[in-house]
Amino acid sequence: MADLAMYRAIIGLARSLSMTLVAEGVQTPEQRAWTAANGCTLIQGYLLGRPEAPQAAADTLDRLAAEHARRRKERGDFVI
């Protein structure tokens, strides 16, 4: 329970300072739900993806950029 109090305090501090907060190490849907319910909507961690080699990451970014350009041309907007 002390950990939860600490997490809530950090989220509250970031909110009071108008800071963007990213919860790191989110590995389960339950952790994602808890962070969202407590005011932290940005996450990173194994729930979203595993680390990958630099070239694989570059290939993913290239693919997303191409998809972004295609959708923007089609509709004038883009949502990931």
N, C-alpha and C. Protein backbone atom coordinates (compact mmCIF):
# COMPACT_ATOMS: atom_id res chain seq x y z
N MET A 1 0.81 -1.20 0.00
CA MET A 1 0.00 0.00 0.00
C MET A 1 0.85 1.26 0.00
N ALA A 2 2.02 1.20 0.60
CA ALA A 2 2.89 2.38 0.61
C ALA A 2 3.31 2.74 -0.80
N ASP A 3 3.53 1.72 -1.65
CA ASP A 3 3.89 2.01 -3.04
C ASP A 3 2.79 2.77 -3.75
N LEU A 4 1.54 2.35 -3.54
CA LEU A 4 0.42 3.03 -4.19
C LEU A 4 0.32 4.48 -3.75
N ALA A 5 0.54 4.74 -2.48
CA ALA A 5 0.51 6.11 -1.97
C ALA A 5 1.61 6.94 -2.62
N MET A 6 2.79 6.33 -2.78
CA MET A 6 3.90 7.04 -3.42
C MET A 6 3.57 7.34 -4.88
N TYR A 7 2.99 6.36 -5.59
CA TYR A 7 2.63 6.58 -6.99
C TYR A 7 1.60 7.71 -7.12
N ARG A 8 0.60 7.68 -6.25
CA ARG A 8 -0.42 8.75 -6.28
C ARG A 8 0.20 10.11 -5.98
N ALA A 9 1.15 10.16 -5.06
CA ALA A 9 1.81 11.42 -4.73
C ALA A 9 2.60 11.95 -5.91
N ILE A 10 3.30 11.07 -6.62
CA ILE A 10 4.07 11.49 -7.79
C ILE A 10 3.14 12.00 -8.88
N ILE A 11 2.05 11.28 -9.12
CA ILE A 11 1.07 11.73 -10.12
C ILE A 11 0.49 13.08 -9.73
N GLY A 12 0.15 13.25 -8.46
CA GLY A 12 -0.39 14.52 -7.99
C GLY A 12 0.61 15.66 -8.11
N LEU A 13 1.87 15.39 -7.80
CA LEU A 13 2.90 16.41 -7.93
C LEU A 13 3.07 16.83 -9.39
N ALA A 14 3.13 15.86 -10.28
CA ALA A 14 3.27 16.19 -11.71
C ALA A 14 2.07 17.01 -12.19
N ARG A 15 0.89 16.61 -11.77
CA ARG A 15 -0.33 17.34 -12.17
C ARG A 15 -0.29 18.77 -11.64
N SER A 16 0.10 18.95 -10.38
CA SER A 16 0.11 20.28 -9.78
C SER A 16 1.15 21.20 -10.43
N LEU A 17 2.18 20.61 -11.01
CA LEU A 17 3.22 21.39 -11.70
C LEU A 17 2.99 21.46 -13.21
N SER A 18 1.83 20.97 -13.66
CA SER A 18 1.47 20.95 -15.09
C SER A 18 2.53 20.23 -15.93
N MET A 19 3.04 19.14 -15.38
CA MET A 19 4.05 18.36 -16.09
C MET A 19 3.41 17.17 -16.80
N THR A 20 4.01 16.77 -17.90
CA THR A 20 3.61 15.54 -18.56
C THR A 20 4.27 14.38 -17.83
N LEU A 21 3.49 13.38 -17.52
CA LEU A 21 3.99 12.24 -16.76
C LEU A 21 3.80 10.97 -17.57
N VAL A 22 4.85 10.16 -17.64
CA VAL A 22 4.80 8.87 -18.33
C VAL A 22 5.08 7.78 -17.30
N ALA A 23 4.16 6.84 -17.17
CA ALA A 23 4.38 5.70 -16.28
C ALA A 23 5.25 4.69 -17.02
N GLU A 24 6.39 4.38 -16.45
CA GLU A 24 7.31 3.43 -17.08
C GLU A 24 7.16 2.06 -16.44
N GLY A 25 7.45 1.03 -17.21
CA GLY A 25 7.44 -0.33 -16.69
C GLY A 25 6.06 -0.94 -16.60
N VAL A 26 5.10 -0.42 -17.36
CA VAL A 26 3.74 -0.97 -17.34
C VAL A 26 3.76 -2.28 -18.12
N GLN A 27 3.39 -3.37 -17.43
CA GLN A 27 3.49 -4.69 -18.04
C GLN A 27 2.16 -5.42 -18.18
N THR A 28 1.13 -4.96 -17.49
CA THR A 28 -0.15 -5.67 -17.50
C THR A 28 -1.30 -4.70 -17.78
N PRO A 29 -2.41 -5.23 -18.30
CA PRO A 29 -3.60 -4.38 -18.47
C PRO A 29 -4.08 -3.79 -17.15
N GLU A 30 -3.90 -4.52 -16.07
CA GLU A 30 -4.32 -4.01 -14.75
C GLU A 30 -3.49 -2.79 -14.36
N GLN A 31 -2.20 -2.83 -14.62
CA GLN A 31 -1.35 -1.67 -14.33
C GLN A 31 -1.75 -0.48 -15.19
N ARG A 32 -2.05 -0.74 -16.46
CA ARG A 32 -2.49 0.36 -17.33
C ARG A 32 -3.79 0.96 -16.82
N ALA A 33 -4.73 0.11 -16.42
CA ALA A 33 -6.01 0.61 -15.90
C ALA A 33 -5.80 1.42 -14.63
N TRP A 34 -4.92 0.96 -13.75
CA TRP A 34 -4.66 1.69 -12.50
C TRP A 34 -4.05 3.05 -12.80
N THR A 35 -3.07 3.11 -13.69
CA THR A 35 -2.44 4.40 -13.99
C THR A 35 -3.45 5.37 -14.59
N ALA A 36 -4.29 4.88 -15.50
CA ALA A 36 -5.31 5.74 -16.11
C ALA A 36 -6.31 6.22 -15.07
N ALA A 37 -6.76 5.32 -14.20
CA ALA A 37 -7.74 5.68 -13.17
C ALA A 37 -7.17 6.70 -12.18
N ASN A 38 -5.85 6.75 -12.09
CA ASN A 38 -5.21 7.68 -11.16
C ASN A 38 -4.60 8.89 -11.85
N GLY A 39 -4.99 9.12 -13.10
CA GLY A 39 -4.63 10.36 -13.76
C GLY A 39 -3.38 10.35 -14.61
N CYS A 40 -2.81 9.18 -14.86
CA CYS A 40 -1.62 9.10 -15.72
C CYS A 40 -1.99 8.29 -16.95
N THR A 41 -2.12 8.96 -18.08
CA THR A 41 -2.61 8.30 -19.29
C THR A 41 -1.51 7.93 -20.27
N LEU A 42 -0.29 8.38 -20.04
CA LEU A 42 0.82 8.02 -20.92
C LEU A 42 1.63 6.92 -20.26
N ILE A 43 1.86 5.84 -21.01
CA ILE A 43 2.59 4.72 -20.45
C ILE A 43 3.65 4.23 -21.42
N GLN A 44 4.62 3.50 -20.87
CA GLN A 44 5.55 2.73 -21.69
C GLN A 44 5.88 1.48 -20.91
N GLY A 45 6.26 0.46 -21.62
CA GLY A 45 6.59 -0.79 -20.96
C GLY A 45 6.27 -1.98 -21.84
N TYR A 46 6.52 -3.17 -21.32
CA TYR A 46 6.35 -4.39 -22.09
C TYR A 46 4.92 -4.61 -22.55
N LEU A 47 3.94 -3.98 -21.89
CA LEU A 47 2.56 -4.11 -22.35
C LEU A 47 2.43 -3.59 -23.78
N LEU A 48 3.17 -2.55 -24.10
CA LEU A 48 3.10 -1.94 -25.42
C LEU A 48 4.07 -2.54 -26.42
N GLY A 49 5.18 -3.06 -25.95
CA GLY A 49 6.14 -3.66 -26.85
C GLY A 49 7.46 -3.94 -26.17
N ARG A 50 8.17 -4.88 -26.73
CA ARG A 50 9.49 -5.26 -26.23
C ARG A 50 10.55 -4.42 -26.92
N PRO A 51 11.71 -4.29 -26.29
CA PRO A 51 12.81 -3.59 -26.95
C PRO A 51 13.15 -4.29 -28.27
N GLU A 52 13.58 -3.51 -29.24
CA GLU A 52 13.97 -4.12 -30.51
C GLU A 52 15.28 -3.52 -30.99
N ALA A 53 15.88 -4.20 -31.92
CA ALA A 53 17.16 -3.77 -32.48
C ALA A 53 17.00 -2.41 -33.15
N PRO A 54 18.07 -1.61 -33.20
CA PRO A 54 17.98 -0.28 -33.80
C PRO A 54 17.41 -0.28 -35.22
N GLN A 55 17.83 -1.22 -36.05
CA GLN A 55 17.33 -1.24 -37.43
C GLN A 55 15.85 -1.57 -37.47
N ALA A 56 15.41 -2.48 -36.62
CA ALA A 56 13.98 -2.82 -36.56
C ALA A 56 13.17 -1.61 -36.11
N ALA A 57 13.68 -0.85 -35.14
CA ALA A 57 12.98 0.36 -34.69
C ALA A 57 12.92 1.39 -35.81
N ALA A 58 14.02 1.55 -36.55
CA ALA A 58 14.04 2.50 -37.68
C ALA A 58 13.04 2.06 -38.75
N ASP A 59 12.97 0.76 -39.02
CA ASP A 59 12.01 0.25 -40.01
C ASP A 59 10.58 0.52 -39.57
N THR A 60 10.30 0.35 -38.28
CA THR A 60 8.95 0.62 -37.75
C THR A 60 8.61 2.10 -37.91
N LEU A 61 9.55 2.98 -37.58
CA LEU A 61 9.30 4.42 -37.72
C LEU A 61 9.09 4.79 -39.18
N ASP A 62 9.86 4.20 -40.09
CA ASP A 62 9.67 4.45 -41.52
C ASP A 62 8.29 4.00 -41.97
N ARG A 63 7.86 2.83 -41.51
CA ARG A 63 6.54 2.31 -41.88
C ARG A 63 5.44 3.22 -41.35
N LEU A 64 5.57 3.68 -40.10
CA LEU A 64 4.57 4.58 -39.54
C LEU A 64 4.54 5.93 -40.26
N ALA A 65 5.71 6.43 -40.64
CA ALA A 65 5.76 7.70 -41.38
C ALA A 65 5.08 7.56 -42.73
N ALA A 66 5.29 6.44 -43.41
CA ALA A 66 4.64 6.21 -44.70
C ALA A 66 3.13 6.10 -44.53
N GLU A 67 2.70 5.40 -43.48
CA GLU A 67 1.26 5.28 -43.21
C GLU A 67 0.66 6.65 -42.86
N HIS A 68 1.39 7.43 -42.10
CA HIS A 68 0.94 8.78 -41.75
C HIS A 68 0.75 9.61 -43.01
N ALA A 69 1.72 9.59 -43.89
CA ALA A 69 1.64 10.36 -45.14
C ALA A 69 0.46 9.90 -45.99
N ARG A 70 0.27 8.58 -46.09
CA ARG A 70 -0.83 8.04 -46.89
C ARG A 70 -2.18 8.47 -46.32
N ARG A 71 -2.36 8.34 -45.02
CA ARG A 71 -3.65 8.71 -44.42
C ARG A 71 -3.89 10.22 -44.47
N ARG A 72 -2.84 10.98 -44.26
CA ARG A 72 -3.00 12.43 -44.31
C ARG A 72 -3.43 12.87 -45.70
N LYS A 73 -2.85 12.25 -46.72
CA LYS A 73 -3.21 12.57 -48.10
C LYS A 73 -4.65 12.19 -48.38
N GLU A 74 -5.09 11.04 -47.85
CA GLU A 74 -6.45 10.54 -48.09
C GLU A 74 -7.50 11.37 -47.36
N ARG A 75 -7.25 11.66 -46.09
CA ARG A 75 -8.28 12.29 -45.26
C ARG A 75 -7.92 13.63 -44.68
N GLY A 76 -6.66 13.96 -44.74
CA GLY A 76 -6.25 15.22 -44.14
C GLY A 76 -6.06 15.14 -42.64
N ASP A 77 -6.05 13.93 -42.09
CA ASP A 77 -5.80 13.77 -40.66
C ASP A 77 -5.13 12.42 -40.44
N PHE A 78 -4.72 12.20 -39.21
CA PHE A 78 -4.06 10.94 -38.87
C PHE A 78 -4.23 10.65 -37.40
N VAL A 79 -4.58 9.43 -37.12
CA VAL A 79 -4.70 8.98 -35.73
C VAL A 79 -4.01 7.64 -35.62
N ILE A 80 -3.14 7.53 -34.61
CA ILE A 80 -2.51 6.23 -34.36
C ILE A 80 -3.33 5.53 -33.32
